[in-house]
Amino acid sequence: MGSAMRDTHSRYGLVSRMLHWGMALLFVWQFSTAAARVFFEGTALESFLWGTHSQLGVVLLVLVVLRAVWALVNVSRRPPSISVMAKLGHLALYGLMIAVPTIALIRQYGSGRSLDVLGINLMPGFEGEKIAWMTDLGGLLHGELGWAMLALITGHIVMAVMHRRLTNHDVLKRMV
């Protein structure tokens, strides 16, 4: 595999950068769907955007798992973290990127509703009573942890810009 594809100590490789920026764009769309659900409920905009929310959540879950595996494969070559706080922030982001859609999938299954993603049936659904603990878990945590993830992502962006402008650690150069 070409060296441009893999991470180095000074810069993230093409695969890491494509996963990072591609997922960033998908997260913009995903949070737009949630915002439309909250602020524009019952409108055509909400109907259009919200219809993609579940499917995109599954796609993002698959991508974050691939991204985590790629990061582990490249762990010895990746640029070093600039601080313990940066490392903890990234771990929290990864944790939320996995937990939020996983909780949604648990809720989806417990609701008895089917789930199709990109034309593939992932959950056939079932008749009968909902599984309360599953739907309750999703109702309690999915949205709240999603907004917490948005706050962490916002902090991630703010810190990258601050490091670029205020310190000698232009971390953005490593990911662009």
Protein backbone atom coordinates (compact mmCIF):
# COMPACT_ATOMS: atom_id res chain seq x y z
CA MET A 1 0.00 0.00 0.00
CA GLY A 2 1.33 3.42 -0.95
CA SER A 3 2.82 5.60 1.75
CA ALA A 4 0.37 8.39 0.93
CA MET A 5 -2.47 6.09 2.03
CA ARG A 6 -1.03 5.37 5.47
CA ASP A 7 -0.52 7.68 8.42
CA THR A 8 2.93 9.01 9.30
CA HIS A 9 4.29 10.61 12.46
CA SER A 10 3.82 14.06 10.93
CA ARG A 11 0.57 13.66 8.99
CA TYR A 12 -2.55 11.54 8.58
CA GLY A 13 -2.67 9.48 5.40
CA LEU A 14 -5.29 9.63 2.67
CA VAL A 15 -7.50 6.93 4.19
CA SER A 16 -7.62 8.64 7.61
CA ARG A 17 -8.28 12.03 6.02
CA MET A 18 -11.04 10.70 3.75
CA LEU A 19 -12.73 8.95 6.69
CA HIS A 20 -12.40 12.07 8.88
CA TRP A 21 -13.72 14.63 6.38
CA GLY A 22 -16.27 12.31 4.80
CA MET A 23 -17.72 11.52 8.20
CA ALA A 24 -17.63 15.22 9.10
CA LEU A 25 -19.88 15.98 6.12
CA LEU A 26 -22.20 13.10 7.02
CA PHE A 27 -22.40 14.35 10.61
CA VAL A 28 -23.37 17.82 9.36
CA TRP A 29 -26.24 16.16 7.50
CA GLN A 30 -27.12 13.94 10.47
CA PHE A 31 -27.28 16.82 12.94
CA SER A 32 -29.29 18.81 10.39
CA THR A 33 -31.87 16.02 10.39
CA ALA A 34 -32.08 16.13 14.19
CA ALA A 35 -32.30 19.93 14.22
CA ALA A 36 -35.08 19.83 11.62
CA ARG A 37 -36.92 17.30 13.79
CA VAL A 38 -36.70 19.64 16.79
CA PHE A 39 -37.16 23.06 15.18
CA PHE A 40 -39.22 22.34 12.05
CA GLU A 41 -41.45 19.46 13.13
CA GLY A 42 -44.30 18.78 10.75
CA THR A 43 -42.76 20.65 7.81
CA ALA A 44 -41.63 19.38 4.43
CA LEU A 45 -38.03 20.11 5.44
CA GLU A 46 -38.31 17.90 8.50
CA SER A 47 -40.01 15.16 6.51
CA PHE A 48 -37.29 15.21 3.86
CA LEU A 49 -34.34 15.30 6.26
CA TRP A 50 -35.71 13.02 8.99
CA GLY A 51 -36.33 10.24 6.49
CA THR A 52 -32.56 9.78 6.19
CA HIS A 53 -31.71 9.87 9.90
CA SER A 54 -31.83 6.16 10.77
CA GLN A 55 -30.14 4.97 7.59
CA LEU A 56 -27.36 7.54 7.89
CA GLY A 57 -26.87 6.61 11.56
CA VAL A 58 -26.15 3.01 10.55
CA VAL A 59 -23.78 4.15 7.79
CA LEU A 60 -21.93 6.36 10.30
CA LEU A 61 -21.69 3.46 12.78
CA VAL A 62 -20.11 1.24 10.11
CA LEU A 63 -17.72 4.04 9.12
CA VAL A 64 -16.64 4.74 12.71
CA VAL A 65 -15.89 1.05 13.26
CA LEU A 66 -13.81 1.02 10.05
CA ARG A 67 -12.14 4.24 11.17
CA ALA A 68 -11.29 2.78 14.59
CA VAL A 69 -9.84 -0.36 12.99
CA TRP A 70 -7.80 1.79 10.59
CA ALA A 71 -6.55 3.89 13.52
CA LEU A 72 -5.46 0.74 15.38
CA VAL A 73 -3.66 -0.58 12.29
CA ASN A 74 -1.81 2.75 12.04
CA VAL A 75 -1.34 3.39 15.77
CA SER A 76 2.46 3.20 15.65
CA ARG A 77 2.66 5.60 12.69
CA ARG A 78 0.02 8.22 13.59
CA PRO A 79 0.90 11.77 14.60
CA PRO A 80 1.25 11.92 18.38
CA SER A 81 -1.48 13.48 20.45
CA ILE A 82 -0.57 16.95 21.68
CA SER A 83 -1.94 16.41 25.19
CA VAL A 84 -3.76 14.04 27.50
CA MET A 85 -6.89 16.18 27.11
CA ALA A 86 -6.75 15.84 23.32
CA LYS A 87 -6.40 12.08 23.64
CA LEU A 88 -9.31 11.89 26.11
CA GLY A 89 -11.43 14.12 23.86
CA HIS A 90 -10.82 11.85 20.88
CA LEU A 91 -11.63 8.75 22.94
CA ALA A 92 -14.87 10.39 24.11
CA LEU A 93 -15.77 11.24 20.51
CA TYR A 94 -15.16 7.67 19.37
CA GLY A 95 -17.15 6.35 22.33
CA LEU A 96 -20.12 8.57 21.50
CA MET A 97 -19.89 7.86 17.77
CA ILE A 98 -20.34 4.19 18.64
CA ALA A 99 -22.77 4.50 21.57
CA VAL A 100 -25.31 6.90 20.01
CA PRO A 101 -26.20 4.80 16.95
CA THR A 102 -25.93 1.54 18.91
CA ILE A 103 -28.50 2.81 21.41
CA ALA A 104 -30.72 3.85 18.49
CA LEU A 105 -30.46 0.34 17.02
CA ILE A 106 -31.40 -1.17 20.37
CA ARG A 107 -34.43 1.14 20.52
CA GLN A 108 -35.34 0.31 16.92
CA TYR A 109 -35.27 -3.41 17.62
CA GLY A 110 -37.26 -3.03 20.84
CA SER A 111 -39.93 -1.03 19.03
CA GLY A 112 -40.69 -3.93 16.72
CA ARG A 113 -40.30 -1.72 13.65
CA SER A 114 -38.30 -2.98 10.71
CA LEU A 115 -35.15 -1.22 9.56
CA ASP A 116 -33.94 -1.05 5.98
CA VAL A 117 -30.62 0.59 5.18
CA LEU A 118 -29.71 1.23 1.56
CA GLY A 119 -32.24 -1.37 0.48
CA ILE A 120 -30.96 -4.04 2.88
CA ASN A 121 -33.29 -5.25 5.61
CA LEU A 122 -31.29 -5.18 8.86
CA MET A 123 -34.23 -5.74 11.20
CA PRO A 124 -37.42 -7.44 10.04
CA GLY A 125 -39.55 -6.08 12.87
CA PHE A 126 -42.06 -8.05 14.90
CA GLU A 127 -45.68 -8.05 16.00
CA GLY A 128 -46.69 -7.77 19.61
CA GLU A 129 -45.51 -5.83 22.59
CA LYS A 130 -42.54 -3.53 22.44
CA ILE A 131 -39.53 -4.41 24.57
CA ALA A 132 -39.78 -1.63 27.12
CA TRP A 133 -36.21 -1.56 28.43
CA MET A 134 -34.91 -1.20 24.86
CA THR A 135 -37.27 1.59 23.86
CA ASP A 136 -36.79 3.31 27.23
CA LEU A 137 -32.98 3.20 26.86
CA GLY A 138 -33.19 4.81 23.44
CA GLY A 139 -35.72 7.38 24.57
CA LEU A 140 -33.59 8.30 27.55
CA LEU A 141 -30.11 8.40 26.00
CA HIS A 142 -30.03 8.53 22.20
CA GLY A 143 -30.95 12.19 21.73
CA GLU A 144 -29.16 13.47 24.81
CA LEU A 145 -25.92 11.68 23.97
CA GLY A 146 -26.29 12.85 20.37
CA TRP A 147 -26.41 16.48 21.48
CA ALA A 148 -23.46 15.83 23.83
CA MET A 149 -21.57 14.47 20.82
CA LEU A 150 -22.40 17.65 18.90
CA ALA A 151 -20.99 19.69 21.79
CA LEU A 152 -17.81 17.59 21.75
CA ILE A 153 -17.50 17.95 17.98
CA THR A 154 -17.91 21.72 18.34
CA GLY A 155 -15.19 21.70 21.01
CA HIS A 156 -12.99 19.62 18.70
CA ILE A 157 -13.36 22.21 15.93
CA VAL A 158 -12.79 25.14 18.30
CA MET A 159 -9.64 23.56 19.72
CA ALA A 160 -8.25 22.81 16.24
CA VAL A 161 -8.77 26.46 15.26
CA MET A 162 -7.32 27.72 18.56
CA HIS A 163 -4.24 25.54 18.18
CA ARG A 164 -3.79 26.83 14.64
CA ARG A 165 -4.03 30.48 15.66
CA LEU A 166 -2.65 30.62 19.19
CA THR A 167 0.01 27.93 19.54
CA ASN A 168 2.88 26.32 17.72
CA HIS A 169 0.78 23.16 17.28
CA ASP A 170 -1.05 23.58 13.97
CA VAL A 171 -2.88 20.27 14.29
CA LEU A 172 -5.15 21.10 11.37
CA LYS A 173 -2.20 20.77 8.95
CA ARG A 174 -1.95 17.10 9.87
CA MET A 175 -5.54 16.38 8.78
CA VAL A 176 -5.84 18.60 5.70
